[in-house]
Amino acid sequence: EVMCFHLKRFNKTNYSGWGLGSQKNSTLISYPLKGLDLKPYLYKPDPSLLNSDDDERNYSNDSCASTSSTLYDLFAVVRHIGGINGGHYISNCKNPVNEEWYEFDDE
């Protein structure tokens, strides 16, 4: 399974110059290379709100087939270098055969 995250890249500002009221979001993101576990963030409804036809086990965090179904390993990142009015994209990808990381930059 593959999960793709798209993080917010721009913040709205009151400035209405060339950047059209936006600025680049430069917040750094930290994440594990292996074993990002999303199980704690899965939806689990309040049992008191379930209909009598609903089976609570279908909604439980414990109903996942296994913990491995909620674990993800990072294998690629695309990042933007530059500002709101211009820049360049660079990607880093992990080769699944030799487990080495490579940078792809067409500059």
Protein backbone atom coordinates (compact mmCIF):
# COMPACT_ATOMS: atom_id res chain seq x y z
CA GLU A 1 0.00 0.00 0.00
CA VAL A 2 1.10 3.55 -0.72
CA MET A 3 -0.03 6.66 1.13
CA CYS A 4 0.68 10.12 -0.24
CA PHE A 5 0.73 13.24 1.95
CA HIS A 6 0.51 16.71 0.43
CA LEU A 7 1.50 19.31 3.01
CA LYS A 8 0.30 22.89 2.94
CA ARG A 9 2.98 24.91 1.14
CA PHE A 10 1.66 28.47 1.37
CA ASN A 11 0.11 30.72 4.00
CA LYS A 12 -2.36 33.49 3.23
CA THR A 13 -1.18 36.99 4.18
CA ASN A 14 -2.62 40.50 4.14
CA TYR A 15 0.07 41.57 1.66
CA SER A 16 -1.34 41.88 -1.86
CA GLY A 17 1.85 42.47 -3.85
CA TRP A 18 3.46 40.17 -6.39
CA GLY A 19 2.87 37.11 -4.17
CA LEU A 20 -0.90 37.67 -4.39
CA GLY A 21 -1.45 37.55 -0.64
CA SER A 22 0.54 34.39 0.06
CA GLN A 23 3.91 33.46 1.48
CA LYS A 24 5.81 30.19 1.45
CA ASN A 25 5.32 28.04 4.54
CA SER A 26 8.84 27.20 5.76
CA THR A 27 7.80 24.98 8.69
CA LEU A 28 10.13 21.99 9.00
CA ILE A 29 8.49 18.55 9.14
CA SER A 30 9.97 15.61 11.02
CA TYR A 31 8.90 12.04 10.23
CA PRO A 32 10.41 8.57 10.62
CA LEU A 33 12.05 6.82 7.67
CA LYS A 34 10.55 3.51 8.79
CA GLY A 35 7.47 2.51 10.72
CA LEU A 36 5.22 5.59 10.68
CA ASP A 37 2.27 4.16 12.62
CA LEU A 38 -1.08 5.77 11.82
CA LYS A 39 -3.15 3.42 13.98
CA PRO A 40 -3.60 6.00 16.80
CA TYR A 41 -5.18 8.38 14.26
CA LEU A 42 -7.78 6.01 12.83
CA TYR A 43 -11.42 6.93 13.30
CA LYS A 44 -13.19 5.24 16.17
CA PRO A 45 -16.78 6.38 16.75
CA ASP A 46 -18.45 6.71 20.10
CA PRO A 47 -20.21 3.33 20.71
CA SER A 48 -23.24 5.14 22.12
CA LEU A 49 -23.80 6.76 18.71
CA LEU A 50 -23.86 3.49 16.74
CA ASN A 51 -27.13 2.20 15.32
CA SER A 52 -28.31 -1.18 16.56
CA ASP A 53 -27.42 -2.60 13.10
CA ASP A 54 -23.81 -1.37 13.35
CA ASP A 55 -21.20 -3.69 14.68
CA GLU A 56 -18.75 -1.76 16.86
CA ARG A 57 -15.98 -4.17 15.85
CA ASN A 58 -16.19 -2.79 12.30
CA TYR A 59 -15.12 0.62 13.59
CA SER A 60 -12.65 -0.29 16.29
CA ASN A 61 -8.96 0.59 16.09
CA ASP A 62 -8.41 -3.03 17.10
CA SER A 63 -10.26 -4.29 14.03
CA CYS A 64 -7.32 -3.64 11.70
CA ALA A 65 -6.06 -6.86 10.18
CA SER A 66 -2.72 -6.26 11.87
CA THR A 67 -0.55 -3.41 13.07
CA SER A 68 1.49 -3.76 9.89
CA SER A 69 -1.51 -2.55 7.88
CA THR A 70 -1.11 0.84 9.57
CA LEU A 71 2.70 1.06 9.30
CA TYR A 72 4.31 3.02 6.47
CA ASP A 73 7.93 3.40 5.39
CA LEU A 74 9.10 6.54 3.61
CA PHE A 75 10.39 5.96 0.09
CA ALA A 76 10.20 9.38 -1.60
CA VAL A 77 10.06 13.10 -0.86
CA VAL A 78 9.50 16.03 -3.22
CA ARG A 79 10.62 19.41 -1.94
CA HIS A 80 10.48 22.97 -3.25
CA ILE A 81 13.54 25.18 -3.21
CA GLY A 82 12.84 28.89 -3.62
CA GLY A 83 10.01 31.26 -2.86
CA ILE A 84 6.44 31.90 -3.85
CA ASN A 85 7.34 33.68 -7.07
CA GLY A 86 9.71 31.05 -8.37
CA GLY A 87 11.78 28.08 -7.46
CA HIS A 88 12.68 24.54 -8.26
CA TYR A 89 11.53 21.04 -7.24
CA ILE A 90 13.94 18.31 -6.14
CA SER A 91 12.99 14.75 -5.27
CA ASN A 92 14.72 12.15 -3.13
CA CYS A 93 13.76 8.53 -3.69
CA LYS A 94 14.81 5.25 -2.11
CA ASN A 95 15.81 2.43 -4.45
CA PRO A 96 13.96 -0.70 -3.20
CA VAL A 97 16.67 -3.02 -4.55
CA ASN A 98 19.77 -1.58 -2.87
CA GLU A 99 18.01 0.52 -0.17
CA GLU A 100 20.07 3.60 -1.19
CA TRP A 101 18.61 7.11 -1.44
CA TYR A 102 19.04 9.12 -4.65
CA GLU A 103 18.44 12.78 -5.44
CA PHE A 104 16.76 13.75 -8.69
CA ASP A 105 17.35 17.33 -9.77
CA ASP A 106 16.92 18.45 -13.38
CA GLU A 107 18.57 21.81 -12.80
